[in-house]
Amino acid sequence: MAFGVLLTIASLFADPLALGMPGTGFGWKQMLGTLLGLVIAGLGGLVLYRTAQADAADADKEEEDESA
């Protein structure tokens, strides 16, 4: 997820950070980097969310097993 966020930020601010060719505007490489960064960050967030949900379900199940 962190890589996706960094890629998105670097792509969005490539011109001010002097990562691209000056004066070319927002090009297709920046657009592609931004979209890929958002997809990677979104997938990373989804994995984290599902992992947290599974951990919570496992903890609830173990709690029920201990009280029974």
Protein backbone atom coordinates (compact mmCIF):
# COMPACT_ATOMS: atom_id res chain seq x y z
CA MET A 1 0.00 0.00 0.00
CA ALA A 2 2.82 2.41 0.84
CA PHE A 3 4.40 1.85 -2.57
CA GLY A 4 1.12 2.72 -4.27
CA VAL A 5 0.77 5.92 -2.27
CA LEU A 6 4.37 6.94 -3.04
CA LEU A 7 3.91 6.16 -6.74
CA THR A 8 0.73 8.24 -6.83
CA ILE A 9 2.36 11.20 -5.11
CA ALA A 10 5.48 11.01 -7.27
CA SER A 11 3.36 10.82 -10.44
CA LEU A 12 1.06 13.65 -9.48
CA PHE A 13 3.89 15.97 -8.46
CA ALA A 14 6.53 14.87 -10.98
CA ASP A 15 6.85 18.30 -12.57
CA PRO A 16 7.25 20.30 -9.33
CA LEU A 17 9.67 17.64 -8.01
CA ALA A 18 11.70 17.86 -11.25
CA LEU A 19 11.15 14.18 -12.03
CA GLY A 20 9.95 14.77 -15.57
CA MET A 21 10.73 17.01 -18.50
CA PRO A 22 9.93 20.61 -17.58
CA GLY A 23 7.17 22.34 -19.48
CA THR A 24 5.53 19.19 -20.86
CA GLY A 25 2.46 19.30 -18.64
CA PHE A 26 0.64 16.28 -17.26
CA GLY A 27 1.58 13.54 -19.71
CA TRP A 28 0.53 9.96 -20.30
CA LYS A 29 3.34 8.59 -18.12
CA GLN A 30 2.16 10.65 -15.20
CA MET A 31 -1.42 9.53 -15.80
CA LEU A 32 -0.36 5.89 -15.99
CA GLY A 33 1.75 6.21 -12.84
CA THR A 34 -1.10 7.88 -10.99
CA LEU A 35 -3.62 5.23 -11.99
CA LEU A 36 -1.26 2.35 -11.20
CA GLY A 37 -0.41 3.94 -7.86
CA LEU A 38 -4.08 4.27 -6.98
CA VAL A 39 -4.78 0.66 -7.97
CA ILE A 40 -1.82 -0.63 -5.94
CA ALA A 41 -2.79 1.49 -2.92
CA GLY A 42 -6.41 0.36 -3.21
CA LEU A 43 -5.47 -3.31 -3.42
CA GLY A 44 -3.13 -2.90 -0.46
CA GLY A 45 -5.89 -1.26 1.55
CA LEU A 46 -8.28 -4.07 0.63
CA VAL A 47 -5.78 -6.70 1.75
CA LEU A 48 -5.25 -4.88 5.06
CA TYR A 49 -9.00 -4.57 5.60
CA ARG A 50 -9.67 -8.23 4.87
CA THR A 51 -6.78 -9.33 7.07
CA ALA A 52 -8.13 -7.23 9.95
CA GLN A 53 -11.62 -8.68 9.43
CA ALA A 54 -10.27 -12.25 9.41
CA ASP A 55 -8.22 -11.59 12.55
CA ALA A 56 -11.25 -10.16 14.32
CA ALA A 57 -13.36 -13.17 13.29
CA ASP A 58 -10.67 -15.55 14.53
CA ALA A 59 -10.45 -13.71 17.85
CA ASP A 60 -14.24 -13.87 18.26
CA LYS A 61 -14.24 -17.59 17.48
CA GLU A 62 -11.44 -18.28 19.98
CA GLU A 63 -13.30 -16.26 22.62
CA GLU A 64 -16.45 -18.31 22.03
CA ASP A 65 -14.48 -21.56 22.21
CA GLU A 66 -12.88 -20.56 25.53
CA SER A 67 -16.20 -19.59 27.13
CA ALA A 68 -17.93 -22.81 26.05
